[in-house]
Amino acid sequence: MSVRFSDLAIDDDEILMLRRVHVYACSSRELEPESEHGAELGKMLFHLYRQGVRSELALMQMLTAGEAPPAPEAG
């Protein structure tokens, strides 16, 4: 089952923030957001957000510094 940001009980501002972080992190790694690796980065972002990381700057730093925890196993 695939979970999208729109499925969460979050407001529009949070969705826009998550999209900004995803686009920023993908561009910093020279990835297309819709590519397989871009999707993996999105999963990492989603995982961090669910773990309670709500700061846009912190999310950007975690996804671009390689310090983010691995994404949960798909399946």
PDB file of N, CA and C in Angstrom:
ATOM      1  N   MET A   1       0.839  -1.184   0.000  1.00  0.00           N
ATOM      2  CA  MET A   1       0.000   0.000   0.000  1.00  0.00           C
ATOM      3  C   MET A   1       0.883   1.245   0.000  1.00  0.00           C
ATOM      4  N   SER A   2       0.550   2.148  -0.846  1.00  0.00           N
ATOM      5  CA  SER A   2       1.315   3.381  -0.973  1.00  0.00           C
ATOM      6  C   SER A   2       0.647   4.490  -0.166  1.00  0.00           C
ATOM      7  N   VAL A   3       1.450   5.236   0.581  1.00  0.00           N
ATOM      8  CA  VAL A   3       0.921   6.350   1.358  1.00  0.00           C
ATOM      9  C   VAL A   3       1.399   7.643   0.721  1.00  0.00           C
ATOM     10  N   ARG A   4       0.470   8.540   0.479  1.00  0.00           N
ATOM     11  CA  ARG A   4       0.824   9.838  -0.089  1.00  0.00           C
ATOM     12  C   ARG A   4       0.661  10.899   0.985  1.00  0.00           C
ATOM     13  N   PHE A   5       1.365  12.029   0.794  1.00  0.00           N
ATOM     14  CA  PHE A   5       1.247  13.122   1.746  1.00  0.00           C
ATOM     15  C   PHE A   5      -0.209  13.558   1.877  1.00  0.00           C
ATOM     16  N   SER A   6      -0.965  13.504   0.782  1.00  0.00           N
ATOM     17  CA  SER A   6      -2.350  13.953   0.814  1.00  0.00           C
ATOM     18  C   SER A   6      -3.230  13.045   1.660  1.00  0.00           C
ATOM     19  N   ASP A   7      -2.749  11.843   1.970  1.00  0.00           N
ATOM     20  CA  ASP A   7      -3.528  10.926   2.803  1.00  0.00           C
ATOM     21  C   ASP A   7      -3.379  11.240   4.291  1.00  0.00           C
ATOM     22  N   LEU A   8      -2.429  12.053   4.652  1.00  0.00           N
ATOM     23  CA  LEU A   8      -2.197  12.380   6.051  1.00  0.00           C
ATOM     24  C   LEU A   8      -3.098  13.522   6.501  1.00  0.00           C
ATOM     25  N   ALA A   9      -3.357  13.569   7.779  1.00  0.00           N
ATOM     26  CA  ALA A   9      -4.144  14.670   8.342  1.00  0.00           C
ATOM     27  C   ALA A   9      -3.215  15.836   8.625  1.00  0.00           C
ATOM     28  N   ILE A  10      -2.717  16.436   7.563  1.00  0.00           N
ATOM     29  CA  ILE A  10      -1.840  17.594   7.702  1.00  0.00           C
ATOM     30  C   ILE A  10      -2.387  18.718   6.842  1.00  0.00           C
ATOM     31  N   ASP A  11      -2.019  19.927   7.181  1.00  0.00           N
ATOM     32  CA  ASP A  11      -2.600  21.056   6.454  1.00  0.00           C
ATOM     33  C   ASP A  11      -1.819  21.383   5.191  1.00  0.00           C
ATOM     34  N   ASP A  12      -2.371  22.275   4.396  1.00  0.00           N
ATOM     35  CA  ASP A  12      -1.777  22.626   3.108  1.00  0.00           C
ATOM     36  C   ASP A  12      -0.365  23.184   3.254  1.00  0.00           C
ATOM     37  N   ASP A  13      -0.144  23.986   4.299  1.00  0.00           N
ATOM     38  CA  ASP A  13       1.187  24.561   4.499  1.00  0.00           C
ATOM     39  C   ASP A  13       2.224  23.459   4.727  1.00  0.00           C
ATOM     40  N   GLU A  14       1.854  22.435   5.492  1.00  0.00           N
ATOM     41  CA  GLU A  14       2.784  21.332   5.749  1.00  0.00           C
ATOM     42  C   GLU A  14       3.053  20.546   4.466  1.00  0.00           C
ATOM     43  N   ILE A  15       2.017  20.327   3.671  1.00  0.00           N
ATOM     44  CA  ILE A  15       2.191  19.623   2.402  1.00  0.00           C
ATOM     45  C   ILE A  15       3.128  20.408   1.492  1.00  0.00           C
ATOM     46  N   LEU A  16       2.929  21.715   1.416  1.00  0.00           N
ATOM     47  CA  LEU A  16       3.810  22.549   0.589  1.00  0.00           C
ATOM     48  C   LEU A  16       5.240  22.504   1.101  1.00  0.00           C
ATOM     49  N   MET A  17       5.413  22.506   2.420  1.00  0.00           N
ATOM     50  CA  MET A  17       6.749  22.441   3.003  1.00  0.00           C
ATOM     51  C   MET A  17       7.418  21.110   2.639  1.00  0.00           C
ATOM     52  N   LEU A  18       6.686  20.013   2.755  1.00  0.00           N
ATOM     53  CA  LEU A  18       7.249  18.703   2.428  1.00  0.00           C
ATOM     54  C   LEU A  18       7.623  18.630   0.947  1.00  0.00           C
ATOM     55  N   ARG A  19       6.808  19.215   0.100  1.00  0.00           N
ATOM     56  CA  ARG A  19       7.133  19.240  -1.335  1.00  0.00           C
ATOM     57  C   ARG A  19       8.401  20.056  -1.587  1.00  0.00           C
ATOM     58  N   ARG A  20       8.522  21.193  -0.902  1.00  0.00           N
ATOM     59  CA  ARG A  20       9.737  22.019  -1.061  1.00  0.00           C
ATOM     60  C   ARG A  20      10.975  21.244  -0.635  1.00  0.00           C
ATOM     61  N   VAL A  21      10.883  20.566   0.500  1.00  0.00           N
ATOM     62  CA  VAL A  21      12.023  19.787   0.999  1.00  0.00           C
ATOM     63  C   VAL A  21      12.371  18.686  -0.001  1.00  0.00           C
ATOM     64  N   HIS A  22      11.357  18.000  -0.523  1.00  0.00           N
ATOM     65  CA  HIS A  22      11.595  16.904  -1.465  1.00  0.00           C
ATOM     66  C   HIS A  22      12.271  17.417  -2.735  1.00  0.00           C
ATOM     67  N   VAL A  23      11.761  18.503  -3.293  1.00  0.00           N
ATOM     68  CA  VAL A  23      12.356  19.067  -4.512  1.00  0.00           C
ATOM     69  C   VAL A  23      13.793  19.523  -4.237  1.00  0.00           C
ATOM     70  N   TYR A  24      14.006  20.170  -3.089  1.00  0.00           N
ATOM     71  CA  TYR A  24      15.347  20.639  -2.726  1.00  0.00           C
ATOM     72  C   TYR A  24      16.309  19.453  -2.587  1.00  0.00           C
ATOM     73  N   ALA A  25      15.889  18.433  -1.851  1.00  0.00           N
ATOM     74  CA  ALA A  25      16.760  17.280  -1.617  1.00  0.00           C
ATOM     75  C   ALA A  25      17.058  16.551  -2.921  1.00  0.00           C
ATOM     76  N   CYS A  26      16.050  16.411  -3.776  1.00  0.00           N
ATOM     77  CA  CYS A  26      16.277  15.749  -5.068  1.00  0.00           C
ATOM     78  C   CYS A  26      17.246  16.564  -5.919  1.00  0.00           C
ATOM     79  N   SER A  27      17.052  17.869  -5.990  1.00  0.00           N
ATOM     80  CA  SER A  27      17.921  18.686  -6.833  1.00  0.00           C
ATOM     81  C   SER A  27      19.353  18.679  -6.296  1.00  0.00           C
ATOM     82  N   SER A  28      19.518  18.636  -4.991  1.00  0.00           N
ATOM     83  CA  SER A  28      20.876  18.621  -4.427  1.00  0.00           C
ATOM     84  C   SER A  28      21.600  17.326  -4.771  1.00  0.00           C
ATOM     85  N   ARG A  29      20.847  16.271  -5.040  1.00  0.00           N
ATOM     86  CA  ARG A  29      21.439  14.983  -5.414  1.00  0.00           C
ATOM     87  C   ARG A  29      21.319  14.731  -6.920  1.00  0.00           C
ATOM     88  N   GLU A  30      20.863  15.745  -7.648  1.00  0.00           N
ATOM     89  CA  GLU A  30      20.676  15.657  -9.092  1.00  0.00           C
ATOM     90  C   GLU A  30      19.754  14.507  -9.472  1.00  0.00           C
ATOM     91  N   LEU A  31      18.643  14.402  -8.746  1.00  0.00           N
ATOM     92  CA  LEU A  31      17.634  13.376  -9.011  1.00  0.00           C
ATOM     93  C   LEU A  31      16.351  14.044  -9.495  1.00  0.00           C
ATOM     94  N   GLU A  32      15.614  13.324 -10.334  1.00  0.00           N
ATOM     95  CA  GLU A  32      14.271  13.774 -10.687  1.00  0.00           C
ATOM     96  C   GLU A  32      13.346  13.335  -9.562  1.00  0.00           C
ATOM     97  N   PRO A  33      12.492  14.236  -9.046  1.00  0.00           N
ATOM     98  CA  PRO A  33      11.604  13.865  -7.942  1.00  0.00           C
ATOM     99  C   PRO A  33      10.732  12.640  -8.234  1.00  0.00           C
ATOM    100  N   GLU A  34      10.359  12.436  -9.506  1.00  0.00           N
ATOM    101  CA  GLU A  34       9.489  11.315  -9.856  1.00  0.00           C
ATOM    102  C   GLU A  34      10.252  10.027 -10.168  1.00  0.00           C
ATOM    103  N   SER A  35      11.583  10.072 -10.139  1.00  0.00           N
ATOM    104  CA  SER A  35      12.381   8.877 -10.432  1.00  0.00           C
ATOM    105  C   SER A  35      12.322   7.899  -9.257  1.00  0.00           C
ATOM    106  N   GLU A  36      12.842   6.705  -9.482  1.00  0.00           N
ATOM    107  CA  GLU A  36      12.854   5.695  -8.416  1.00  0.00           C
ATOM    108  C   GLU A  36      13.645   6.190  -7.210  1.00  0.00           C
ATOM    109  N   HIS A  37      14.818   6.786  -7.451  1.00  0.00           N
ATOM    110  CA  HIS A  37      15.639   7.291  -6.342  1.00  0.00           C
ATOM    111  C   HIS A  37      14.976   8.509  -5.688  1.00  0.00           C
ATOM    112  N   GLY A  38      14.307   9.322  -6.490  1.00  0.00           N
ATOM    113  CA  GLY A  38      13.557  10.446  -5.937  1.00  0.00           C
ATOM    114  C   GLY A  38      12.439   9.966  -5.027  1.00  0.00           C
ATOM    115  N   ALA A  39      11.787   8.872  -5.434  1.00  0.00           N
ATOM    116  CA  ALA A  39      10.722   8.291  -4.612  1.00  0.00           C
ATOM    117  C   ALA A  39      11.285   7.751  -3.301  1.00  0.00           C
ATOM    118  N   GLU A  40      12.477   7.147  -3.358  1.00  0.00           N
ATOM    119  CA  GLU A  40      13.114   6.656  -2.132  1.00  0.00           C
ATOM    120  C   GLU A  40      13.407   7.818  -1.178  1.00  0.00           C
ATOM    121  N   LEU A  41      13.863   8.928  -1.747  1.00  0.00           N
ATOM    122  CA  LEU A  41      14.122  10.115  -0.931  1.00  0.00           C
ATOM    123  C   LEU A  41      12.813  10.615  -0.303  1.00  0.00           C
ATOM    124  N   GLY A  42      11.747  10.552  -1.067  1.00  0.00           N
ATOM    125  CA  GLY A  42      10.434  10.931  -0.548  1.00  0.00           C
ATOM    126  C   GLY A  42      10.009  10.044   0.613  1.00  0.00           C
ATOM    127  N   LYS A  43      10.308   8.746   0.520  1.00  0.00           N
ATOM    128  CA  LYS A  43       9.986   7.822   1.613  1.00  0.00           C
ATOM    129  C   LYS A  43      10.783   8.173   2.860  1.00  0.00           C
ATOM    130  N   MET A  44      12.044   8.534   2.668  1.00  0.00           N
ATOM    131  CA  MET A  44      12.865   8.940   3.815  1.00  0.00           C
ATOM    132  C   MET A  44      12.279  10.197   4.455  1.00  0.00           C
ATOM    133  N   LEU A  45      11.886  11.149   3.612  1.00  0.00           N
ATOM    134  CA  LEU A  45      11.285  12.388   4.108  1.00  0.00           C
ATOM    135  C   LEU A  45      10.019  12.086   4.903  1.00  0.00           C
ATOM    136  N   PHE A  46       9.166  11.242   4.357  1.00  0.00           N
ATOM    137  CA  PHE A  46       7.921  10.859   5.018  1.00  0.00           C
ATOM    138  C   PHE A  46       8.207  10.196   6.359  1.00  0.00           C
ATOM    139  N   HIS A  47       9.192   9.306   6.377  1.00  0.00           N
ATOM    140  CA  HIS A  47       9.565   8.618   7.612  1.00  0.00           C
ATOM    141  C   HIS A  47      10.028   9.617   8.679  1.00  0.00           C
ATOM    142  N   LEU A  48      10.895  10.539   8.284  1.00  0.00           N
ATOM    143  CA  LEU A  48      11.378  11.544   9.232  1.00  0.00           C
ATOM    144  C   LEU A  48      10.229  12.398   9.762  1.00  0.00           C
ATOM    145  N   TYR A  49       9.324  12.790   8.866  1.00  0.00           N
ATOM    146  CA  TYR A  49       8.179  13.608   9.274  1.00  0.00           C
ATOM    147  C   TYR A  49       7.319  12.842  10.271  1.00  0.00           C
ATOM    148  N   ARG A  50       7.074  11.573  10.006  1.00  0.00           N
ATOM    149  CA  ARG A  50       6.269  10.756  10.921  1.00  0.00           C
ATOM    150  C   ARG A  50       6.966  10.549  12.254  1.00  0.00           C
ATOM    151  N   GLN A  51       8.313  10.603  12.237  1.00  0.00           N
ATOM    152  CA  GLN A  51       9.070  10.451  13.479  1.00  0.00           C
ATOM    153  C   GLN A  51       9.073  11.738  14.305  1.00  0.00           C
ATOM    154  N   GLY A  52       8.520  12.823  13.732  1.00  0.00           N
ATOM    155  CA  GLY A  52       8.391  14.052  14.496  1.00  0.00           C
ATOM    156  C   GLY A  52       9.271  15.198  14.054  1.00  0.00           C
ATOM    157  N   VAL A  53      10.056  15.002  12.989  1.00  0.00           N
ATOM    158  CA  VAL A  53      10.885  16.106  12.490  1.00  0.00           C
ATOM    159  C   VAL A  53       9.982  17.028  11.684  1.00  0.00           C
ATOM    160  N   ARG A  54       9.729  18.223  12.197  1.00  0.00           N
ATOM    161  CA  ARG A  54       8.785  19.143  11.563  1.00  0.00           C
ATOM    162  C   ARG A  54       9.441  20.406  11.012  1.00  0.00           C
ATOM    163  N   SER A  55      10.720  20.598  11.286  1.00  0.00           N
ATOM    164  CA  SER A  55      11.425  21.782  10.816  1.00  0.00           C
ATOM    165  C   SER A  55      11.857  21.587   9.361  1.00  0.00           C
ATOM    166  N   GLU A  56      11.478  22.535   8.500  1.00  0.00           N
ATOM    167  CA  GLU A  56      11.856  22.461   7.097  1.00  0.00           C
ATOM    168  C   GLU A  56      13.375  22.417   6.952  1.00  0.00           C
ATOM    169  N   LEU A  57      14.064  23.278   7.678  1.00  0.00           N
ATOM    170  CA  LEU A  57      15.527  23.318   7.606  1.00  0.00           C
ATOM    171  C   LEU A  57      16.136  22.000   8.079  1.00  0.00           C
ATOM    172  N   ALA A  58      15.640  21.473   9.191  1.00  0.00           N
ATOM    173  CA  ALA A  58      16.180  20.210   9.705  1.00  0.00           C
ATOM    174  C   ALA A  58      15.968  19.079   8.712  1.00  0.00           C
ATOM    175  N   LEU A  59      14.792  19.028   8.097  1.00  0.00           N
ATOM    176  CA  LEU A  59      14.521  17.983   7.108  1.00  0.00           C
ATOM    177  C   LEU A  59      15.462  18.115   5.912  1.00  0.00           C
ATOM    178  N   MET A  60      15.654  19.347   5.440  1.00  0.00           N
ATOM    179  CA  MET A  60      16.565  19.572   4.313  1.00  0.00           C
ATOM    180  C   MET A  60      17.976  19.109   4.666  1.00  0.00           C
ATOM    181  N   GLN A  61      18.434  19.477   5.863  1.00  0.00           N
ATOM    182  CA  GLN A  61      19.788  19.101   6.279  1.00  0.00           C
ATOM    183  C   GLN A  61      19.928  17.591   6.394  1.00  0.00           C
ATOM    184  N   MET A  62      18.927  16.949   6.966  1.00  0.00           N
ATOM    185  CA  MET A  62      19.001  15.501   7.167  1.00  0.00           C
ATOM    186  C   MET A  62      19.009  14.754   5.838  1.00  0.00           C
ATOM    187  N   LEU A  63      18.257  15.247   4.866  1.00  0.00           N
ATOM    188  CA  LEU A  63      18.176  14.553   3.586  1.00  0.00           C
ATOM    189  C   LEU A  63      19.355  14.868   2.671  1.00  0.00           C
ATOM    190  N   THR A  64      20.054  15.965   2.912  1.00  0.00           N
ATOM    191  CA  THR A  64      21.152  16.311   2.018  1.00  0.00           C
ATOM    192  C   THR A  64      22.523  16.013   2.624  1.00  0.00           C
ATOM    193  N   ALA A  65      22.601  15.812   3.935  1.00  0.00           N
ATOM    194  CA  ALA A  65      23.878  15.556   4.585  1.00  0.00           C
ATOM    195  C   ALA A  65      24.162  14.054   4.716  1.00  0.00           C
ATOM    196  N   GLY A  66      23.214  13.225   4.259  1.00  0.00           N
ATOM    197  CA  GLY A  66      23.404  11.785   4.356  1.00  0.00           C
ATOM    198  C   GLY A  66      23.288  11.268   5.767  1.00  0.00           C
ATOM    199  N   GLU A  67      22.667  12.041   6.655  1.00  0.00           N
ATOM    200  CA  GLU A  67      22.552  11.615   8.053  1.00  0.00           C
ATOM    201  C   GLU A  67      21.172  11.066   8.367  1.00  0.00           C
ATOM    202  N   ALA A  68      20.302  11.014   7.379  1.00  0.00           N
ATOM    203  CA  ALA A  68      18.963  10.508   7.616  1.00  0.00           C
ATOM    204  C   ALA A  68      19.009   9.001   7.809  1.00  0.00           C
ATOM    205  N   PRO A  69      18.143   8.471   8.651  1.00  0.00           N
ATOM    206  CA  PRO A  69      18.098   7.026   8.822  1.00  0.00           C
ATOM    207  C   PRO A  69      17.592   6.383   7.528  1.00  0.00           C
ATOM    208  N   PRO A  70      17.902   5.128   7.315  1.00  0.00           N
ATOM    209  CA  PRO A  70      17.426   4.461   6.101  1.00  0.00           C
ATOM    210  C   PRO A  70      15.902   4.403   6.077  1.00  0.00           C
ATOM    211  N   ALA A  71      15.353   4.422   4.905  1.00  0.00           N
ATOM    212  CA  ALA A  71      13.897   4.341   4.762  1.00  0.00           C
ATOM    213  C   ALA A  71      13.449   2.958   5.230  1.00  0.00           C
ATOM    214  N   PRO A  72      12.248   2.887   5.786  1.00  0.00           N
ATOM    215  CA  PRO A  72      11.747   1.568   6.196  1.00  0.00           C
ATOM    216  C   PRO A  72      11.627   0.644   4.982  1.00  0.00           C
ATOM    217  N   GLU A  73      11.781  -0.635   5.202  1.00  0.00           N
ATOM    218  CA  GLU A  73      11.699  -1.605   4.112  1.00  0.00           C
ATOM    219  C   GLU A  73      10.315  -1.582   3.496  1.00  0.00           C
ATOM    220  N   ALA A  74      10.266  -1.573   2.191  1.00  0.00           N
ATOM    221  CA  ALA A  74       8.975  -1.616   1.493  1.00  0.00           C
ATOM    222  C   ALA A  74       8.467  -3.047   1.506  1.00  0.00           C
ATOM    223  N   GLY A  75       7.163  -3.183   1.561  1.00  0.00           N
ATOM    224  CA  GLY A  75       6.634  -4.543   1.486  1.00  0.00           C
ATOM    225  C   GLY A  75       5.492  -4.647   2.334  1.00  0.00           C
TER     226      GLY A  75
END
